Amino acid sequence: MFKKLLVVAAVVGAATLVFKKVRASSDERALWHEATTAPDLR
């Protein structure tokens, strides 16, 4: 029982790290897009 709980906790921890990494990458890509596109001067 304890092994299963430990495995589940490890999987949840790994998934959390992957999710944070993907979200940070997406945020950085959006920031670069905003910084490198021409401003809309309409």
C-alpha atoms as a PDB file:
ATOM      1  CA  MET A   1       0.000   0.000   0.000  1.00  0.00           C
ATOM      2  CA  PHE A   2       2.774   2.448   0.912  1.00  0.00           C
ATOM      3  CA  LYS A   3       4.632   1.679  -2.341  1.00  0.00           C
ATOM      4  CA  LYS A   4       1.554   2.495  -4.411  1.00  0.00           C
ATOM      5  CA  LEU A   5       1.083   5.779  -2.572  1.00  0.00           C
ATOM      6  CA  LEU A   6       4.740   6.655  -3.121  1.00  0.00           C
ATOM      7  CA  VAL A   7       4.486   5.863  -6.844  1.00  0.00           C
ATOM      8  CA  VAL A   8       1.322   7.960  -7.195  1.00  0.00           C
ATOM      9  CA  ALA A   9       2.996  10.863  -5.376  1.00  0.00           C
ATOM     10  CA  ALA A  10       6.028  10.598  -7.668  1.00  0.00           C
ATOM     11  CA  VAL A  11       3.848  10.586 -10.793  1.00  0.00           C
ATOM     12  CA  VAL A  12       1.850  13.589  -9.572  1.00  0.00           C
ATOM     13  CA  GLY A  13       5.083  15.433  -8.738  1.00  0.00           C
ATOM     14  CA  ALA A  14       6.561  14.718 -12.170  1.00  0.00           C
ATOM     15  CA  ALA A  15       3.353  15.814 -13.902  1.00  0.00           C
ATOM     16  CA  THR A  16       3.368  19.049 -11.903  1.00  0.00           C
ATOM     17  CA  LEU A  17       6.948  19.800 -12.907  1.00  0.00           C
ATOM     18  CA  VAL A  18       6.196  19.125 -16.572  1.00  0.00           C
ATOM     19  CA  PHE A  19       3.083  21.324 -16.434  1.00  0.00           C
ATOM     20  CA  LYS A  20       5.033  24.207 -14.863  1.00  0.00           C
ATOM     21  CA  LYS A  21       7.802  23.867 -17.460  1.00  0.00           C
ATOM     22  CA  VAL A  22       5.320  23.923 -20.357  1.00  0.00           C
ATOM     23  CA  ARG A  23       3.453  26.909 -18.924  1.00  0.00           C
ATOM     24  CA  ALA A  24       6.700  28.847 -18.368  1.00  0.00           C
ATOM     25  CA  SER A  25       7.791  28.114 -21.917  1.00  0.00           C
ATOM     26  CA  SER A  26       4.447  29.302 -23.254  1.00  0.00           C
ATOM     27  CA  ASP A  27       4.589  32.482 -21.171  1.00  0.00           C
ATOM     28  CA  GLU A  28       8.121  33.220 -22.367  1.00  0.00           C
ATOM     29  CA  ARG A  29       7.131  32.632 -26.006  1.00  0.00           C
ATOM     30  CA  ALA A  30       4.183  35.034 -25.594  1.00  0.00           C
ATOM     31  CA  LEU A  31       6.449  37.645 -24.027  1.00  0.00           C
ATOM     32  CA  TRP A  32       8.959  37.394 -26.876  1.00  0.00           C
ATOM     33  CA  HIS A  33       6.139  37.662 -29.404  1.00  0.00           C
ATOM     34  CA  GLU A  34       4.872  40.815 -27.716  1.00  0.00           C
ATOM     35  CA  ALA A  35       8.371  42.295 -27.507  1.00  0.00           C
ATOM     36  CA  THR A  36       9.299  41.622 -31.143  1.00  0.00           C
ATOM     37  CA  THR A  37       6.096  42.531 -32.986  1.00  0.00           C
ATOM     38  CA  ALA A  38       5.476  46.033 -34.261  1.00  0.00           C
ATOM     39  CA  PRO A  39       3.104  48.096 -32.137  1.00  0.00           C
ATOM     40  CA  ASP A  40      -0.397  48.673 -33.431  1.00  0.00           C
ATOM     41  CA  LEU A  41      -0.548  52.456 -33.950  1.00  0.00           C
ATOM     42  CA  ARG A  42      -4.037  52.749 -35.353  1.00  0.00           C
END
